[in-house]
Amino acid sequence: MQHPQGTASHYNFWSVTDNLTLRPVAICFLLLGVGILHAPGVRAATAVPLSPNEAELIALADEPGFEALTENAAAIMQQSVAAGQLPDPMLGVGLQNFPIQSGGFTTEGMTQAVIGLRQAFPRGNTRKLKTSQLESLSTGVTADADNRTRQVVLATRQAWLGVYYWEQSKKMVLDSRAYFSDLLVITRSLYAVGSRNQQDVLRAEIELSRLDDRLVEIDRQITDQRARLAQWVGDTHADRPLDTDLPEWNQVPELPDLVAQLETHPAMLAADSRIAARQSGVGLANASYKPAWGLEAKLGLRGGELSNGTSRSDFATLMLTVDLPLFHKNRQDRVLASARHLKQSSLAAKTKLARALRQELESEYAHWTELSLRIGIYQERIVPQSAELSAAALAAYQADAADFADLMRAYIHELDTRIEQTKLQTDRLRSYALIAALGGF
């Protein structure tokens, strides 16, 4: 943005302090400035700039959502190992056929001290199916954790770009405010000597006030965006200045390649795992029609003697038990029907997810293409034309060929154009971040 001729320049600090009477005051201000620079808040502001890549690494270093999912996946995997084992055997100890009214352990011939062991065998291939079901669920949660990583990177990039846009906007508005402030001084001087009317002075004051109002809103947006960034990188890193160089995210893969990559998107892999788990559920429901088995061995210890004087023989018992799933109409049939419905629900959910991901990808790809075209138009035409317009308005105003309102409109238009160009650049980078999260590159 060009400045009009005659604009008051900023004073040089050391030239002012050449006056011996001002040197003590200057030294005091210098020492005060050194103290301010060593304050904790200023040290944080002069820290190493935060780049998008560093912000991503910080966000992923200790991300609780990812940790929660990975721990959950590990827990389910441990359960899958346990589900594949046989039930624990059962030990039974007791006293059988003991006479209550009279006698003791040796009085009756059937009195026994019994010890037994029972082992149950689940229905069909239930153990294998339960193991497979839990393994599928664990794989699905692991895929959810991978998707969480993509979402964290996306959110961190979006927050960083949000802070960048508003801080760049503030810088441009502050630069314009300094110019308008100088212009107001000049206009007042010209009005004082009768070269300009009071309307020009009021116009300059109004535009300066509008810029102040704009700065208030920008500061609110910066605070909001830094709070969003702090969610991912923490307060300390969120307060750091940002790298002034935007990331070079200038190319994305072709749309057909991106669409093909959607099949390996973590959300799709998680959906496949849920379908596999539901298929195992159907297998478990089918296995419920098969009998469960049990094997039991007992040893009965007897005391006393027979009538011929020989010791009573101990007893050994071996039993095989089996349940009979005969009444399955309102139990096994219902469980099987439920399992099949759940599987169909998972299949439909995957189809819905695939359509949503593809629609989001195609829409964002079109947005990326549009933003790329608009950025080219701004760089090649609109920005240079806005600069030429403001220069022409200044020249016309200096030659009394245009009024002050035309000059203000031209410079406000140039400011808005530069801010809009920055918005387009950050919006395209936001679009890149979303496409990268969908396409996995």
Protein backbone atom coordinates (compact mmCIF):
# COMPACT_ATOMS: atom_id res chain seq x y z
CA MET A 1 0.00 0.00 0.00
CA GLN A 2 1.48 3.33 -1.03
CA HIS A 3 1.47 6.36 1.26
CA PRO A 4 0.60 9.88 0.12
CA GLN A 5 3.32 12.41 -0.24
CA GLY A 6 3.86 14.51 2.85
CA THR A 7 2.96 11.74 5.28
CA ALA A 8 4.66 12.33 8.63
CA SER A 9 7.55 9.89 9.11
CA HIS A 10 8.32 8.12 12.41
CA TYR A 11 10.98 9.75 14.57
CA ASN A 12 14.34 8.00 14.92
CA PHE A 13 14.95 7.18 18.60
CA TRP A 14 18.69 7.84 18.58
CA SER A 15 18.34 11.14 16.73
CA VAL A 16 15.99 12.35 19.43
CA THR A 17 18.39 11.31 22.17
CA ASP A 18 21.14 13.40 20.63
CA ASN A 19 19.62 16.19 22.68
CA LEU A 20 21.49 16.04 26.01
CA THR A 21 18.40 17.05 27.95
CA LEU A 22 16.50 14.01 26.67
CA ARG A 23 19.20 11.37 27.20
CA PRO A 24 18.30 10.51 30.84
CA VAL A 25 14.69 9.99 29.85
CA ALA A 26 15.73 7.87 26.86
CA ILE A 27 17.97 5.72 29.04
CA CYS A 28 15.09 5.12 31.46
CA PHE A 29 12.83 4.02 28.61
CA LEU A 30 15.60 1.78 27.28
CA LEU A 31 16.06 0.07 30.66
CA LEU A 32 12.31 -0.33 30.97
CA GLY A 33 12.20 -1.94 27.54
CA VAL A 34 14.94 -4.40 28.51
CA GLY A 35 12.97 -5.35 31.64
CA ILE A 36 9.84 -5.92 29.60
CA LEU A 37 11.69 -8.14 27.14
CA HIS A 38 12.79 -10.35 30.03
CA ALA A 39 9.25 -10.78 31.37
CA PRO A 40 7.87 -14.37 31.14
CA GLY A 41 5.06 -13.45 28.77
CA VAL A 42 7.39 -11.71 26.34
CA ARG A 43 9.88 -14.59 26.46
CA ALA A 44 7.04 -16.89 25.39
CA ALA A 45 6.12 -14.49 22.59
CA THR A 46 9.69 -14.46 21.28
CA ALA A 47 10.00 -18.26 21.39
CA VAL A 48 10.75 -20.38 18.35
CA PRO A 49 7.85 -20.08 15.88
CA LEU A 50 5.42 -22.99 15.81
CA SER A 51 5.16 -24.69 12.40
CA PRO A 52 2.25 -26.92 11.34
CA ASN A 53 4.49 -29.98 11.27
CA GLU A 54 5.72 -29.40 14.84
CA ALA A 55 2.16 -28.76 16.00
CA GLU A 56 1.10 -32.14 14.57
CA LEU A 57 3.96 -33.94 16.31
CA ILE A 58 3.11 -32.29 19.63
CA ALA A 59 -0.57 -33.14 19.26
CA LEU A 60 0.17 -36.80 18.52
CA ALA A 61 2.87 -37.22 21.17
CA ASP A 62 0.48 -37.64 24.09
CA GLU A 63 -3.01 -37.80 22.65
CA PRO A 64 -5.44 -39.28 25.23
CA GLY A 65 -8.11 -40.25 22.71
CA PHE A 66 -5.67 -42.40 20.73
CA GLU A 67 -4.30 -43.95 23.91
CA ALA A 68 -7.80 -44.80 25.14
CA LEU A 69 -8.62 -46.60 21.88
CA THR A 70 -5.35 -48.54 21.73
CA GLU A 71 -5.75 -49.64 25.36
CA ASN A 72 -9.29 -50.73 24.61
CA ALA A 73 -8.11 -52.72 21.58
CA ALA A 74 -5.43 -54.42 23.71
CA ALA A 75 -8.03 -55.28 26.37
CA ILE A 76 -10.37 -56.86 23.82
CA MET A 77 -7.49 -58.86 22.33
CA GLN A 78 -6.72 -60.27 25.78
CA GLN A 79 -10.38 -61.24 26.11
CA SER A 80 -10.20 -63.07 22.78
CA VAL A 81 -7.44 -65.30 24.12
CA ALA A 82 -9.46 -66.08 27.24
CA ALA A 83 -12.59 -66.79 25.18
CA GLY A 84 -10.81 -69.60 23.32
CA GLN A 85 -10.11 -71.63 26.43
CA LEU A 86 -12.18 -74.42 27.94
CA PRO A 87 -14.20 -73.54 31.04
CA ASP A 88 -12.39 -74.27 34.29
CA PRO A 89 -13.09 -77.77 35.63
CA MET A 90 -15.24 -78.04 38.74
CA LEU A 91 -14.20 -79.99 41.81
CA GLY A 92 -16.86 -81.47 44.05
CA VAL A 93 -16.42 -82.93 47.56
CA GLY A 94 -19.24 -84.31 49.69
CA LEU A 95 -20.74 -87.00 51.94
CA GLN A 96 -23.35 -89.26 50.38
CA ASN A 97 -26.02 -91.52 51.97
CA PHE A 98 -25.05 -90.75 55.56
CA PRO A 99 -27.60 -92.14 58.08
CA ILE A 100 -29.28 -89.28 59.95
CA GLN A 101 -31.14 -91.01 62.80
CA SER A 102 -28.47 -93.38 64.01
CA GLY A 103 -25.18 -94.89 63.05
CA GLY A 104 -22.02 -93.45 61.53
CA PHE A 105 -19.83 -93.61 58.46
CA THR A 106 -19.49 -97.43 58.62
CA THR A 107 -23.07 -98.26 59.59
CA GLU A 108 -24.67 -98.27 56.12
CA GLY A 109 -23.07 -99.87 53.11
CA MET A 110 -23.94 -96.96 50.74
CA THR A 111 -22.42 -94.24 52.92
CA GLN A 112 -19.56 -92.66 50.98
CA ALA A 113 -17.15 -89.76 51.04
CA VAL A 114 -17.37 -88.53 47.45
CA ILE A 115 -14.84 -86.53 45.46
CA GLY A 116 -15.53 -85.65 41.83
CA LEU A 117 -14.29 -83.59 38.87
CA ARG A 118 -16.53 -82.13 36.15
CA GLN A 119 -15.46 -80.63 32.83
CA ALA A 120 -17.88 -78.79 30.52
CA PHE A 121 -17.42 -78.56 26.74
CA PRO A 122 -19.18 -75.60 25.01
CA ARG A 123 -21.48 -76.06 22.04
CA GLY A 124 -19.94 -76.77 18.66
CA ASN A 125 -17.09 -74.39 17.73
CA THR A 126 -18.27 -71.72 20.15
CA ARG A 127 -14.78 -71.06 21.51
CA LYS A 128 -13.29 -70.48 18.08
CA LEU A 129 -16.17 -68.22 17.08
CA LYS A 130 -15.95 -66.13 20.25
CA THR A 131 -12.21 -65.73 19.74
CA SER A 132 -12.74 -64.66 16.13
CA GLN A 133 -15.50 -62.23 17.15
CA LEU A 134 -13.35 -60.52 19.77
CA GLU A 135 -10.34 -60.38 17.46
CA SER A 136 -12.49 -58.63 14.87
CA LEU A 137 -13.70 -56.14 17.47
CA SER A 138 -10.11 -55.48 18.55
CA THR A 139 -9.07 -54.91 14.94
CA GLY A 140 -11.97 -52.49 14.54
CA VAL A 141 -10.97 -50.47 17.60
CA THR A 142 -7.38 -50.38 16.31
CA ALA A 143 -8.72 -48.95 13.04
CA ASP A 144 -10.69 -46.40 15.08
CA ALA A 145 -7.41 -45.42 16.74
CA ASP A 146 -5.81 -44.90 13.31
CA ASN A 147 -8.77 -42.78 12.29
CA ARG A 148 -8.38 -40.82 15.51
CA THR A 149 -4.80 -40.03 14.47
CA ARG A 150 -6.02 -38.64 11.16
CA GLN A 151 -8.67 -36.55 12.88
CA VAL A 152 -6.17 -35.14 15.39
CA VAL A 153 -3.79 -34.14 12.59
CA LEU A 154 -6.68 -32.55 10.67
CA ALA A 155 -7.96 -30.64 13.70
CA THR A 156 -4.44 -29.41 14.57
CA ARG A 157 -3.83 -28.22 11.02
CA GLN A 158 -7.19 -26.45 10.91
CA ALA A 159 -6.57 -24.72 14.23
CA TRP A 160 -3.06 -23.62 13.21
CA LEU A 161 -4.38 -22.19 9.96
CA GLY A 162 -7.16 -20.41 11.83
CA VAL A 163 -4.66 -18.64 14.08
CA TYR A 164 -2.45 -17.84 11.09
CA TYR A 165 -5.27 -16.24 9.09
CA TRP A 166 -6.49 -13.99 11.87
CA GLU A 167 -3.01 -12.91 12.93
CA GLN A 168 -2.11 -12.04 9.35
CA SER A 169 -5.39 -10.12 9.10
CA LYS A 170 -4.51 -8.21 12.25
CA LYS A 171 -1.08 -7.35 10.86
CA MET A 172 -2.59 -5.98 7.66
CA VAL A 173 -5.23 -3.98 9.53
CA LEU A 174 -2.59 -2.54 11.87
CA ASP A 175 -0.47 -1.52 8.88
CA SER A 176 -3.49 0.18 7.33
CA ARG A 177 -4.39 1.83 10.61
CA ALA A 178 -0.94 3.40 10.85
CA TYR A 179 -1.39 4.77 7.35
CA PHE A 180 -4.91 6.08 8.05
CA SER A 181 -3.68 7.66 11.26
CA ASP A 182 -0.99 9.54 9.32
CA LEU A 183 -3.55 10.45 6.69
CA LEU A 184 -5.84 11.86 9.37
CA VAL A 185 -3.03 14.12 10.62
CA ILE A 186 -2.38 15.37 7.09
CA THR A 187 -6.09 15.95 6.43
CA ARG A 188 -6.46 17.94 9.62
CA SER A 189 -3.46 20.05 8.62
CA LEU A 190 -4.90 20.68 5.17
CA TYR A 191 -8.27 21.53 6.70
CA ALA A 192 -6.56 23.99 9.04
CA VAL A 193 -5.12 25.91 6.11
CA GLY A 194 -8.36 25.70 4.15
CA SER A 195 -7.21 23.18 1.53
CA ARG A 196 -9.74 20.54 2.58
CA ASN A 197 -13.19 20.59 4.11
CA GLN A 198 -14.33 19.22 7.46
CA GLN A 199 -16.08 16.30 5.76
CA ASP A 200 -12.69 14.83 4.78
CA VAL A 201 -11.53 15.01 8.40
CA LEU A 202 -14.69 13.30 9.65
CA ARG A 203 -14.38 10.66 6.96
CA ALA A 204 -10.83 9.86 8.02
CA GLU A 205 -11.86 9.68 11.68
CA ILE A 206 -14.73 7.33 10.88
CA GLU A 207 -12.52 4.96 8.87
CA LEU A 208 -9.98 4.95 11.70
CA SER A 209 -12.72 4.08 14.20
CA ARG A 210 -13.96 1.29 11.94
CA LEU A 211 -10.47 -0.18 11.82
CA ASP A 212 -10.34 -0.09 15.63
CA ASP A 213 -13.65 -1.92 15.77
CA ARG A 214 -12.33 -4.43 13.27
CA LEU A 215 -9.26 -5.04 15.43
CA VAL A 216 -11.48 -5.83 18.43
CA GLU A 217 -13.25 -8.55 16.45
CA ILE A 218 -9.95 -9.88 15.10
CA ASP A 219 -8.52 -10.13 18.62
CA ARG A 220 -11.58 -12.11 19.69
CA GLN A 221 -11.10 -14.49 16.77
CA ILE A 222 -7.40 -14.92 17.57
CA THR A 223 -8.24 -15.79 21.18
CA ASP A 224 -10.83 -18.31 20.02
CA GLN A 225 -8.51 -19.93 17.48
CA ARG A 226 -5.61 -20.14 19.92
CA ALA A 227 -7.94 -21.84 22.40
CA ARG A 228 -8.79 -24.39 19.70
CA LEU A 229 -5.09 -24.91 19.02
CA ALA A 230 -4.40 -25.29 22.76
CA GLN A 231 -6.79 -28.25 22.84
CA TRP A 232 -4.27 -30.19 20.76
CA VAL A 233 -0.85 -28.75 21.62
CA GLY A 234 -1.39 -27.35 25.10
CA ASP A 235 -1.46 -23.77 26.37
CA THR A 236 2.31 -23.28 26.32
CA HIS A 237 2.74 -24.16 22.64
CA ALA A 238 -0.52 -22.46 21.64
CA ASP A 239 0.84 -19.15 22.95
CA ARG A 240 3.94 -19.35 20.76
CA PRO A 241 4.20 -17.22 17.61
CA LEU A 242 3.45 -19.01 14.38
CA ASP A 243 5.81 -19.69 11.54
CA THR A 244 5.24 -16.97 8.95
CA ASP A 245 5.75 -19.40 6.05
CA LEU A 246 2.70 -21.35 4.99
CA PRO A 247 3.21 -25.08 4.33
CA GLU A 248 3.74 -26.01 0.68
CA TRP A 249 0.64 -28.12 0.23
CA ASN A 250 0.21 -27.35 -3.44
CA GLN A 251 -0.69 -30.69 -5.01
CA VAL A 252 -3.22 -33.42 -4.27
CA PRO A 253 -3.60 -36.80 -6.04
CA GLU A 254 -6.13 -37.24 -8.81
CA LEU A 255 -9.73 -37.75 -7.70
CA PRO A 256 -10.04 -41.38 -8.98
CA ASP A 257 -6.94 -42.33 -7.00
CA LEU A 258 -8.35 -40.70 -3.89
CA VAL A 259 -11.68 -42.47 -4.31
CA ALA A 260 -9.87 -45.81 -4.59
CA GLN A 261 -8.02 -45.06 -1.35
CA LEU A 262 -11.31 -44.72 0.52
CA GLU A 263 -11.56 -48.52 0.72
CA THR A 264 -8.53 -48.50 3.03
CA HIS A 265 -9.76 -45.57 5.10
CA PRO A 266 -9.58 -46.51 8.82
CA ALA A 267 -13.29 -45.87 9.23
CA MET A 268 -14.02 -48.34 6.41
CA LEU A 269 -11.64 -50.91 7.90
CA ALA A 270 -13.39 -50.50 11.25
CA ALA A 271 -16.73 -51.07 9.51
CA ASP A 272 -15.37 -54.26 7.91
CA SER A 273 -14.23 -55.47 11.32
CA ARG A 274 -17.67 -54.86 12.79
CA ILE A 275 -19.23 -56.84 9.95
CA ALA A 276 -16.83 -59.71 10.61
CA ALA A 277 -17.72 -59.60 14.32
CA ARG A 278 -21.42 -59.70 13.49
CA GLN A 279 -20.79 -62.67 11.15
CA SER A 280 -19.17 -64.49 14.05
CA GLY A 281 -22.29 -63.61 16.03
CA VAL A 282 -24.38 -65.40 13.42
CA GLY A 283 -22.07 -68.42 13.78
CA LEU A 284 -22.52 -68.35 17.55
CA ALA A 285 -26.29 -68.23 17.13
CA ASN A 286 -26.14 -71.27 14.85
CA ALA A 287 -23.93 -73.06 17.37
CA SER A 288 -26.63 -72.60 20.02
CA TYR A 289 -28.64 -75.33 18.25
CA LYS A 290 -25.91 -77.83 19.03
CA PRO A 291 -25.71 -79.59 22.41
CA ALA A 292 -23.23 -78.69 25.10
CA TRP A 293 -21.36 -81.60 26.67
CA GLY A 294 -20.13 -82.36 30.13
CA LEU A 295 -17.89 -85.12 31.49
CA GLU A 296 -17.92 -85.97 35.19
CA ALA A 297 -15.82 -88.46 37.15
CA LYS A 298 -16.47 -89.33 40.81
CA LEU A 299 -14.80 -91.51 43.42
CA GLY A 300 -16.84 -92.73 46.40
CA LEU A 301 -14.83 -93.86 49.43
CA ARG A 302 -16.57 -96.33 51.80
CA GLY A 303 -15.65 -97.57 55.25
CA GLY A 304 -16.57 -100.70 57.25
CA GLU A 305 -16.69 -104.36 56.28
CA LEU A 306 -18.98 -106.75 54.51
CA SER A 307 -20.66 -109.70 56.35
CA ASN A 308 -17.82 -112.00 55.32
CA GLY A 309 -15.31 -109.68 56.96
CA THR A 310 -13.80 -108.11 53.81
CA SER A 311 -13.54 -104.31 53.44
CA ARG A 312 -16.22 -102.57 51.47
CA SER A 313 -15.13 -101.67 47.93
CA ASP A 314 -14.87 -98.03 46.88
CA PHE A 315 -17.11 -96.80 44.02
CA ALA A 316 -16.05 -95.10 40.76
CA THR A 317 -18.59 -93.15 38.68
CA LEU A 318 -18.19 -91.76 35.15
CA MET A 319 -20.96 -89.66 33.61
CA LEU A 320 -21.45 -87.96 30.27
CA THR A 321 -24.03 -85.16 30.20
CA VAL A 322 -25.55 -83.42 27.21
CA ASP A 323 -28.18 -80.69 27.03
CA LEU A 324 -30.99 -81.02 24.52
CA PRO A 325 -31.93 -77.76 22.74
CA LEU A 326 -35.37 -79.03 21.76
CA PHE A 327 -37.48 -75.97 22.50
CA HIS A 328 -35.73 -73.48 20.24
CA LYS A 329 -38.64 -71.57 18.77
CA ASN A 330 -38.48 -68.63 21.17
CA ARG A 331 -34.82 -68.91 22.13
CA GLN A 332 -32.31 -70.11 19.54
CA ASP A 333 -34.51 -69.04 16.62
CA ARG A 334 -34.86 -65.55 18.05
CA VAL A 335 -31.16 -65.25 18.82
CA LEU A 336 -30.27 -66.32 15.27
CA ALA A 337 -32.75 -63.86 13.75
CA SER A 338 -31.32 -61.08 15.91
CA ALA A 339 -27.75 -61.91 14.86
CA ARG A 340 -28.71 -61.81 11.19
CA HIS A 341 -30.42 -58.43 11.61
CA LEU A 342 -27.33 -57.06 13.34
CA LYS A 343 -25.15 -58.22 10.48
CA GLN A 344 -27.42 -56.57 7.92
CA SER A 345 -27.34 -53.42 10.02
CA SER A 346 -23.53 -53.41 9.88
CA LEU A 347 -23.56 -53.93 6.11
CA ALA A 348 -26.00 -51.03 5.66
CA ALA A 349 -23.89 -48.84 7.97
CA LYS A 350 -20.80 -49.53 5.88
CA THR A 351 -22.65 -48.61 2.68
CA LYS A 352 -23.84 -45.39 4.31
CA LEU A 353 -20.31 -44.61 5.49
CA ALA A 354 -18.81 -45.28 2.05
CA ARG A 355 -21.30 -42.93 0.42
CA ALA A 356 -20.71 -40.22 3.01
CA LEU A 357 -16.92 -40.43 2.66
CA ARG A 358 -17.11 -40.31 -1.13
CA GLN A 359 -19.52 -37.37 -1.10
CA GLU A 360 -17.28 -35.48 1.33
CA LEU A 361 -14.19 -36.24 -0.75
CA GLU A 362 -15.76 -35.22 -4.07
CA SER A 363 -17.21 -32.05 -2.55
CA GLU A 364 -13.91 -31.06 -0.96
CA TYR A 365 -11.99 -31.85 -4.14
CA ALA A 366 -14.29 -29.49 -6.05
CA HIS A 367 -13.73 -26.89 -3.34
CA TRP A 368 -9.95 -27.35 -3.65
CA THR A 369 -10.14 -26.87 -7.43
CA GLU A 370 -12.29 -23.75 -7.07
CA LEU A 371 -9.98 -22.22 -4.48
CA SER A 372 -6.94 -22.92 -6.65
CA LEU A 373 -8.56 -21.09 -9.56
CA ARG A 374 -9.61 -18.15 -7.39
CA ILE A 375 -6.14 -17.80 -5.89
CA GLY A 376 -4.72 -17.60 -9.41
CA ILE A 377 -7.20 -14.87 -10.33
CA TYR A 378 -6.38 -12.89 -7.19
CA GLN A 379 -2.62 -13.17 -7.68
CA GLU A 380 -2.65 -12.36 -11.38
CA ARG A 381 -5.40 -9.76 -11.56
CA ILE A 382 -7.38 -8.66 -8.53
CA VAL A 383 -4.50 -7.87 -6.15
CA PRO A 384 -2.44 -5.92 -8.74
CA GLN A 385 -5.58 -4.13 -9.95
CA SER A 386 -6.49 -3.14 -6.38
CA ALA A 387 -3.00 -1.72 -5.85
CA GLU A 388 -3.27 0.22 -9.12
CA LEU A 389 -6.70 1.52 -8.09
CA SER A 390 -5.44 2.84 -4.75
CA ALA A 391 -2.42 4.43 -6.44
CA ALA A 392 -4.65 6.07 -9.05
CA ALA A 393 -7.05 7.29 -6.36
CA LEU A 394 -4.15 8.82 -4.42
CA ALA A 395 -2.82 10.56 -7.53
CA ALA A 396 -6.28 11.88 -8.39
CA TYR A 397 -6.80 13.11 -4.83
CA GLN A 398 -3.46 14.91 -4.81
CA ALA A 399 -4.38 16.56 -8.09
CA ASP A 400 -7.84 17.58 -6.76
CA ALA A 401 -9.41 15.34 -9.42
CA ALA A 402 -11.13 13.07 -6.86
CA ASP A 403 -12.63 13.53 -3.41
CA PHE A 404 -11.51 12.04 -0.13
CA ALA A 405 -14.28 9.41 -0.11
CA ASP A 406 -12.93 7.90 -3.34
CA LEU A 407 -9.47 7.67 -1.80
CA MET A 408 -10.83 5.95 1.34
CA ARG A 409 -12.87 3.47 -0.67
CA ALA A 410 -9.86 2.57 -2.80
CA TYR A 411 -7.61 1.91 0.17
CA ILE A 412 -10.26 -0.02 2.12
CA HIS A 413 -10.88 -2.09 -1.01
CA GLU A 414 -7.16 -2.87 -1.27
CA LEU A 415 -7.05 -3.89 2.40
CA ASP A 416 -10.10 -6.15 1.98
CA THR A 417 -8.56 -7.67 -1.16
CA ARG A 418 -5.32 -8.55 0.62
CA ILE A 419 -7.21 -10.07 3.55
CA GLU A 420 -9.43 -12.05 1.18
CA GLN A 421 -6.35 -13.33 -0.66
CA THR A 422 -4.94 -14.59 2.66
CA LYS A 423 -8.29 -16.21 3.46
CA LEU A 424 -8.31 -18.01 0.11
CA GLN A 425 -4.78 -19.29 0.73
CA THR A 426 -5.60 -20.61 4.20
CA ASP A 427 -8.93 -22.03 3.01
CA ARG A 428 -7.13 -23.99 0.30
CA LEU A 429 -4.70 -25.36 2.88
CA ARG A 430 -7.66 -26.33 5.07
CA SER A 431 -9.11 -28.12 2.06
CA TYR A 432 -5.79 -29.90 1.50
CA ALA A 433 -5.78 -31.02 5.13
CA LEU A 434 -9.27 -32.52 4.83
CA ILE A 435 -8.48 -34.25 1.51
CA ALA A 436 -5.29 -35.65 3.05
CA ALA A 437 -7.27 -36.99 6.00
CA LEU A 438 -9.72 -38.69 3.65
CA GLY A 439 -7.14 -39.96 1.16
CA GLY A 440 -4.48 -40.92 3.69
CA PHE A 441 -1.51 -39.16 2.08
